PDB file of N, CA and C in Angstrom:
ATOM      1  N   MET A   1      22.103 -25.623 -32.362  1.00  0.00           N
ATOM      2  CA  MET A   1      21.702 -24.246 -32.604  1.00  0.00           C
ATOM      3  C   MET A   1      22.589 -23.668 -33.699  1.00  0.00           C
ATOM      4  N   ALA A   2      21.979 -23.071 -34.672  1.00  0.00           N
ATOM      5  CA  ALA A   2      22.715 -22.521 -35.805  1.00  0.00           C
ATOM      6  C   ALA A   2      23.378 -21.205 -35.412  1.00  0.00           C
ATOM      7  N   THR A   3      24.573 -20.995 -35.908  1.00  0.00           N
ATOM      8  CA  THR A   3      25.247 -19.726 -35.642  1.00  0.00           C
ATOM      9  C   THR A   3      24.762 -18.687 -36.649  1.00  0.00           C
ATOM     10  N   MET A   4      24.772 -17.441 -36.205  1.00  0.00           N
ATOM     11  CA  MET A   4      24.267 -16.369 -37.059  1.00  0.00           C
ATOM     12  C   MET A   4      25.299 -15.249 -37.103  1.00  0.00           C
ATOM     13  N   ASN A   5      25.392 -14.654 -38.238  1.00  0.00           N
ATOM     14  CA  ASN A   5      26.254 -13.510 -38.414  1.00  0.00           C
ATOM     15  C   ASN A   5      25.704 -12.358 -37.554  1.00  0.00           C
ATOM     16  N   PRO A   6      26.539 -11.709 -36.744  1.00  0.00           N
ATOM     17  CA  PRO A   6      26.048 -10.625 -35.893  1.00  0.00           C
ATOM     18  C   PRO A   6      25.372  -9.485 -36.676  1.00  0.00           C
ATOM     19  N   ILE A   7      25.838  -9.222 -37.860  1.00  0.00           N
ATOM     20  CA  ILE A   7      25.232  -8.154 -38.661  1.00  0.00           C
ATOM     21  C   ILE A   7      23.831  -8.558 -39.103  1.00  0.00           C
ATOM     22  N   GLN A   8      23.663  -9.822 -39.497  1.00  0.00           N
ATOM     23  CA  GLN A   8      22.330 -10.317 -39.855  1.00  0.00           C
ATOM     24  C   GLN A   8      21.389 -10.249 -38.656  1.00  0.00           C
ATOM     25  N   PHE A   9      21.914 -10.619 -37.504  1.00  0.00           N
ATOM     26  CA  PHE A   9      21.112 -10.590 -36.291  1.00  0.00           C
ATOM     27  C   PHE A   9      20.612  -9.175 -36.008  1.00  0.00           C
ATOM     28  N   ILE A  10      21.491  -8.200 -36.072  1.00  0.00           N
ATOM     29  CA  ILE A  10      21.109  -6.806 -35.814  1.00  0.00           C
ATOM     30  C   ILE A  10      20.086  -6.338 -36.846  1.00  0.00           C
ATOM     31  N   GLN A  11      20.270  -6.724 -38.107  1.00  0.00           N
ATOM     32  CA  GLN A  11      19.304  -6.347 -39.147  1.00  0.00           C
ATOM     33  C   GLN A  11      17.929  -6.953 -38.858  1.00  0.00           C
ATOM     34  N   GLN A  12      17.889  -8.181 -38.423  1.00  0.00           N
ATOM     35  CA  GLN A  12      16.618  -8.836 -38.118  1.00  0.00           C
ATOM     36  C   GLN A  12      15.948  -8.200 -36.894  1.00  0.00           C
ATOM     37  N   VAL A  13      16.761  -7.860 -35.908  1.00  0.00           N
ATOM     38  CA  VAL A  13      16.209  -7.201 -34.716  1.00  0.00           C
ATOM     39  C   VAL A  13      15.612  -5.858 -35.101  1.00  0.00           C
ATOM     40  N   ARG A  14      16.311  -5.087 -35.904  1.00  0.00           N
ATOM     41  CA  ARG A  14      15.790  -3.778 -36.334  1.00  0.00           C
ATOM     42  C   ARG A  14      14.512  -3.932 -37.144  1.00  0.00           C
ATOM     43  N   ALA A  15      14.445  -4.966 -37.974  1.00  0.00           N
ATOM     44  CA  ALA A  15      13.239  -5.209 -38.770  1.00  0.00           C
ATOM     45  C   ALA A  15      12.058  -5.557 -37.863  1.00  0.00           C
ATOM     46  N   GLU A  16      12.297  -6.348 -36.836  1.00  0.00           N
ATOM     47  CA  GLU A  16      11.216  -6.710 -35.905  1.00  0.00           C
ATOM     48  C   GLU A  16      10.779  -5.509 -35.065  1.00  0.00           C
ATOM     49  N   VAL A  17      11.726  -4.703 -34.630  1.00  0.00           N
ATOM     50  CA  VAL A  17      11.385  -3.518 -33.836  1.00  0.00           C
ATOM     51  C   VAL A  17      10.576  -2.530 -34.675  1.00  0.00           C
ATOM     52  N   ALA A  18      10.852  -2.480 -35.964  1.00  0.00           N
ATOM     53  CA  ALA A  18      10.110  -1.580 -36.849  1.00  0.00           C
ATOM     54  C   ALA A  18       8.647  -2.006 -36.968  1.00  0.00           C
ATOM     55  N   LYS A  19       8.340  -3.286 -36.738  1.00  0.00           N
ATOM     56  CA  LYS A  19       6.965  -3.787 -36.808  1.00  0.00           C
ATOM     57  C   LYS A  19       6.147  -3.447 -35.563  1.00  0.00           C
ATOM     58  N   VAL A  20       6.814  -3.095 -34.485  1.00  0.00           N
ATOM     59  CA  VAL A  20       6.120  -2.832 -33.226  1.00  0.00           C
ATOM     60  C   VAL A  20       5.296  -1.553 -33.349  1.00  0.00           C
ATOM     61  N   VAL A  21       4.060  -1.625 -32.875  1.00  0.00           N
ATOM     62  CA  VAL A  21       3.196  -0.442 -32.840  1.00  0.00           C
ATOM     63  C   VAL A  21       3.330   0.159 -31.447  1.00  0.00           C
ATOM     64  N   TRP A  22       4.021   1.268 -31.342  1.00  0.00           N
ATOM     65  CA  TRP A  22       4.278   1.891 -30.052  1.00  0.00           C
ATOM     66  C   TRP A  22       3.088   2.753 -29.648  1.00  0.00           C
ATOM     67  N   PRO A  23       2.722   2.738 -28.366  1.00  0.00           N
ATOM     68  CA  PRO A  23       1.596   3.564 -27.922  1.00  0.00           C
ATOM     69  C   PRO A  23       1.956   5.049 -27.953  1.00  0.00           C
ATOM     70  N   THR A  24       0.924   5.867 -28.134  1.00  0.00           N
ATOM     71  CA  THR A  24       1.153   7.307 -28.112  1.00  0.00           C
ATOM     72  C   THR A  24       1.304   7.766 -26.669  1.00  0.00           C
ATOM     73  N   ARG A  25       1.774   8.985 -26.502  1.00  0.00           N
ATOM     74  CA  ARG A  25       1.939   9.542 -25.160  1.00  0.00           C
ATOM     75  C   ARG A  25       0.594   9.588 -24.443  1.00  0.00           C
ATOM     76  N   ARG A  26      -0.463   9.929 -25.183  1.00  0.00           N
ATOM     77  CA  ARG A  26      -1.808   9.999 -24.595  1.00  0.00           C
ATOM     78  C   ARG A  26      -2.282   8.620 -24.120  1.00  0.00           C
ATOM     79  N   GLU A  27      -2.036   7.586 -24.917  1.00  0.00           N
ATOM     80  CA  GLU A  27      -2.419   6.231 -24.525  1.00  0.00           C
ATOM     81  C   GLU A  27      -1.680   5.793 -23.267  1.00  0.00           C
ATOM     82  N   VAL A  28      -0.404   6.095 -23.196  1.00  0.00           N
ATOM     83  CA  VAL A  28       0.384   5.736 -22.018  1.00  0.00           C
ATOM     84  C   VAL A  28      -0.147   6.469 -20.788  1.00  0.00           C
ATOM     85  N   LEU A  29      -0.439   7.755 -20.940  1.00  0.00           N
ATOM     86  CA  LEU A  29      -0.956   8.538 -19.819  1.00  0.00           C
ATOM     87  C   LEU A  29      -2.300   7.993 -19.346  1.00  0.00           C
ATOM     88  N   LEU A  30      -3.200   7.706 -20.288  1.00  0.00           N
ATOM     89  CA  LEU A  30      -4.522   7.203 -19.914  1.00  0.00           C
ATOM     90  C   LEU A  30      -4.445   5.844 -19.230  1.00  0.00           C
ATOM     91  N   THR A  31      -3.635   4.949 -19.750  1.00  0.00           N
ATOM     92  CA  THR A  31      -3.536   3.636 -19.121  1.00  0.00           C
ATOM     93  C   THR A  31      -2.866   3.727 -17.749  1.00  0.00           C
ATOM     94  N   THR A  32      -1.911   4.624 -17.592  1.00  0.00           N
ATOM     95  CA  THR A  32      -1.272   4.816 -16.295  1.00  0.00           C
ATOM     96  C   THR A  32      -2.276   5.341 -15.282  1.00  0.00           C
ATOM     97  N   VAL A  33      -3.077   6.316 -15.681  1.00  0.00           N
ATOM     98  CA  VAL A  33      -4.105   6.852 -14.786  1.00  0.00           C
ATOM     99  C   VAL A  33      -5.109   5.761 -14.423  1.00  0.00           C
ATOM    100  N   MET A  34      -5.501   4.952 -15.393  1.00  0.00           N
ATOM    101  CA  MET A  34      -6.445   3.871 -15.113  1.00  0.00           C
ATOM    102  C   MET A  34      -5.867   2.852 -14.135  1.00  0.00           C
ATOM    103  N   VAL A  35      -4.596   2.564 -14.251  1.00  0.00           N
ATOM    104  CA  VAL A  35      -3.960   1.630 -13.317  1.00  0.00           C
ATOM    105  C   VAL A  35      -3.990   2.200 -11.906  1.00  0.00           C
ATOM    106  N   PHE A  36      -3.686   3.491 -11.753  1.00  0.00           N
ATOM    107  CA  PHE A  36      -3.724   4.103 -10.429  1.00  0.00           C
ATOM    108  C   PHE A  36      -5.139   4.115  -9.865  1.00  0.00           C
ATOM    109  N   ILE A  37      -6.126   4.399 -10.705  1.00  0.00           N
ATOM    110  CA  ILE A  37      -7.522   4.403 -10.240  1.00  0.00           C
ATOM    111  C   ILE A  37      -7.935   2.994  -9.799  1.00  0.00           C
ATOM    112  N   MET A  38      -7.616   1.990 -10.603  1.00  0.00           N
ATOM    113  CA  MET A  38      -7.978   0.623 -10.242  1.00  0.00           C
ATOM    114  C   MET A  38      -7.254   0.165  -8.972  1.00  0.00           C
ATOM    115  N   ALA A  39      -6.009   0.576  -8.794  1.00  0.00           N
ATOM    116  CA  ALA A  39      -5.274   0.222  -7.580  1.00  0.00           C
ATOM    117  C   ALA A  39      -5.919   0.876  -6.366  1.00  0.00           C
ATOM    118  N   ALA A  40      -6.347   2.132  -6.498  1.00  0.00           N
ATOM    119  CA  ALA A  40      -7.008   2.823  -5.393  1.00  0.00           C
ATOM    120  C   ALA A  40      -8.347   2.171  -5.063  1.00  0.00           C
ATOM    121  N   LEU A  41      -9.132   1.824  -6.091  1.00  0.00           N
ATOM    122  CA  LEU A  41     -10.412   1.161  -5.850  1.00  0.00           C
ATOM    123  C   LEU A  41     -10.219  -0.205  -5.195  1.00  0.00           C
ATOM    124  N   THR A  42      -9.212  -0.922  -5.612  1.00  0.00           N
ATOM    125  CA  THR A  42      -8.925  -2.217  -5.009  1.00  0.00           C
ATOM    126  C   THR A  42      -8.515  -2.064  -3.553  1.00  0.00           C
ATOM    127  N   ALA A  43      -7.707  -1.055  -3.258  1.00  0.00           N
ATOM    128  CA  ALA A  43      -7.288  -0.807  -1.880  1.00  0.00           C
ATOM    129  C   ALA A  43      -8.486  -0.449  -1.009  1.00  0.00           C
ATOM    130  N   VAL A  44      -9.387   0.377  -1.510  1.00  0.00           N
ATOM    131  CA  VAL A  44     -10.584   0.747  -0.750  1.00  0.00           C
ATOM    132  C   VAL A  44     -11.453  -0.486  -0.529  1.00  0.00           C
ATOM    133  N   PHE A  45     -11.637  -1.296  -1.565  1.00  0.00           N
ATOM    134  CA  PHE A  45     -12.450  -2.506  -1.431  1.00  0.00           C
ATOM    135  C   PHE A  45     -11.907  -3.423  -0.340  1.00  0.00           C
ATOM    136  N   PHE A  46     -10.608  -3.702  -0.372  1.00  0.00           N
ATOM    137  CA  PHE A  46     -10.037  -4.608   0.617  1.00  0.00           C
ATOM    138  C   PHE A  46     -10.011  -3.985   2.012  1.00  0.00           C
ATOM    139  N   ALA A  47      -9.890  -2.682   2.103  1.00  0.00           N
ATOM    140  CA  ALA A  47      -9.977  -2.024   3.409  1.00  0.00           C
ATOM    141  C   ALA A  47     -11.381  -2.198   3.989  1.00  0.00           C
ATOM    142  N   LEU A  48     -12.402  -2.032   3.153  1.00  0.00           N
ATOM    143  CA  LEU A  48     -13.774  -2.222   3.620  1.00  0.00           C
ATOM    144  C   LEU A  48     -14.045  -3.680   4.003  1.00  0.00           C
ATOM    145  N   VAL A  49     -13.542  -4.608   3.225  1.00  0.00           N
ATOM    146  CA  VAL A  49     -13.699  -6.024   3.566  1.00  0.00           C
ATOM    147  C   VAL A  49     -12.999  -6.311   4.884  1.00  0.00           C
ATOM    148  N   ASP A  50     -11.825  -5.768   5.075  1.00  0.00           N
ATOM    149  CA  ASP A  50     -11.080  -5.962   6.317  1.00  0.00           C
ATOM    150  C   ASP A  50     -11.855  -5.397   7.510  1.00  0.00           C
ATOM    151  N   LEU A  51     -12.415  -4.199   7.344  1.00  0.00           N
ATOM    152  CA  LEU A  51     -13.207  -3.613   8.426  1.00  0.00           C
ATOM    153  C   LEU A  51     -14.438  -4.458   8.733  1.00  0.00           C
ATOM    154  N   GLY A  52     -15.074  -4.975   7.693  1.00  0.00           N
ATOM    155  CA  GLY A  52     -16.246  -5.826   7.894  1.00  0.00           C
ATOM    156  C   GLY A  52     -15.909  -7.106   8.637  1.00  0.00           C
ATOM    157  N   ILE A  53     -14.832  -7.758   8.246  1.00  0.00           N
ATOM    158  CA  ILE A  53     -14.421  -8.995   8.916  1.00  0.00           C
ATOM    159  C   ILE A  53     -14.029  -8.704  10.358  1.00  0.00           C
ATOM    160  N   ARG A  54     -13.289  -7.615  10.565  1.00  0.00           N
ATOM    161  CA  ARG A  54     -12.878  -7.263  11.913  1.00  0.00           C
ATOM    162  C   ARG A  54     -14.092  -6.981  12.795  1.00  0.00           C
ATOM    163  N   GLY A  55     -15.040  -6.216  12.270  1.00  0.00           N
ATOM    164  CA  GLY A  55     -16.252  -5.914  13.031  1.00  0.00           C
ATOM    165  C   GLY A  55     -17.056  -7.165  13.341  1.00  0.00           C
ATOM    166  N   GLY A  56     -17.180  -8.056  12.370  1.00  0.00           N
ATOM    167  CA  GLY A  56     -17.898  -9.311  12.590  1.00  0.00           C
ATOM    168  C   GLY A  56     -17.234 -10.177  13.640  1.00  0.00           C
ATOM    169  N   LEU A  57     -15.914 -10.271  13.586  1.00  0.00           N
ATOM    170  CA  LEU A  57     -15.198 -11.061  14.580  1.00  0.00           C
ATOM    171  C   LEU A  57     -15.309 -10.444  15.965  1.00  0.00           C
ATOM    172  N   GLN A  58     -15.228  -9.133  16.049  1.00  0.00           N
ATOM    173  CA  GLN A  58     -15.377  -8.479  17.356  1.00  0.00           C
ATOM    174  C   GLN A  58     -16.771  -8.713  17.918  1.00  0.00           C
ATOM    175  N   LEU A  59     -17.782  -8.675  17.054  1.00  0.00           N
ATOM    176  CA  LEU A  59     -19.153  -8.942  17.478  1.00  0.00           C
ATOM    177  C   LEU A  59     -19.299 -10.371  17.985  1.00  0.00           C
ATOM    178  N   ILE A  60     -18.760 -11.329  17.238  1.00  0.00           N
ATOM    179  CA  ILE A  60     -18.849 -12.730  17.639  1.00  0.00           C
ATOM    180  C   ILE A  60     -18.083 -12.970  18.931  1.00  0.00           C
ATOM    181  N   LEU A  61     -16.878 -12.432  19.021  1.00  0.00           N
ATOM    182  CA  LEU A  61     -16.082 -12.627  20.233  1.00  0.00           C
ATOM    183  C   LEU A  61     -16.689 -11.885  21.418  1.00  0.00           C
ATOM    184  N   GLY A  62     -17.360 -10.772  21.171  1.00  0.00           N
ATOM    185  CA  GLY A  62     -18.026 -10.055  22.255  1.00  0.00           C
ATOM    186  C   GLY A  62     -19.212 -10.817  22.794  1.00  0.00           C
ATOM    187  N   ILE A  63     -19.903 -11.541  21.923  1.00  0.00           N
ATOM    188  CA  ILE A  63     -21.061 -12.330  22.363  1.00  0.00           C
ATOM    189  C   ILE A  63     -20.614 -13.554  23.140  1.00  0.00           C
ATOM    190  N   PHE A  64     -19.618 -14.267  22.629  1.00  0.00           N
ATOM    191  CA  PHE A  64     -19.181 -15.512  23.249  1.00  0.00           C
ATOM    192  C   PHE A  64     -18.004 -15.328  24.205  1.00  0.00           C
ATOM    193  N   GLY A  65     -17.469 -14.125  24.286  1.00  0.00           N
ATOM    194  CA  GLY A  65     -16.287 -13.909  25.134  1.00  0.00           C
ATOM    195  C   GLY A  65     -16.661 -13.405  26.416  1.00  0.00           C
TER     196      GLY A  65
END
């Protein structure tokens, strides 16, 4: 591994960071809201699936139990 001058390293890091396209505050807010909405929808979906499986098992066990 080649050794690098610390000053060169910092200059290269700053040059790379300058290339980054940072999201706007609005983009961050919208994506955060979308993540919360998708998490809530996923939680509701799995809750309904859980209720369905539980109901089906209770029905089956009630018939054969």
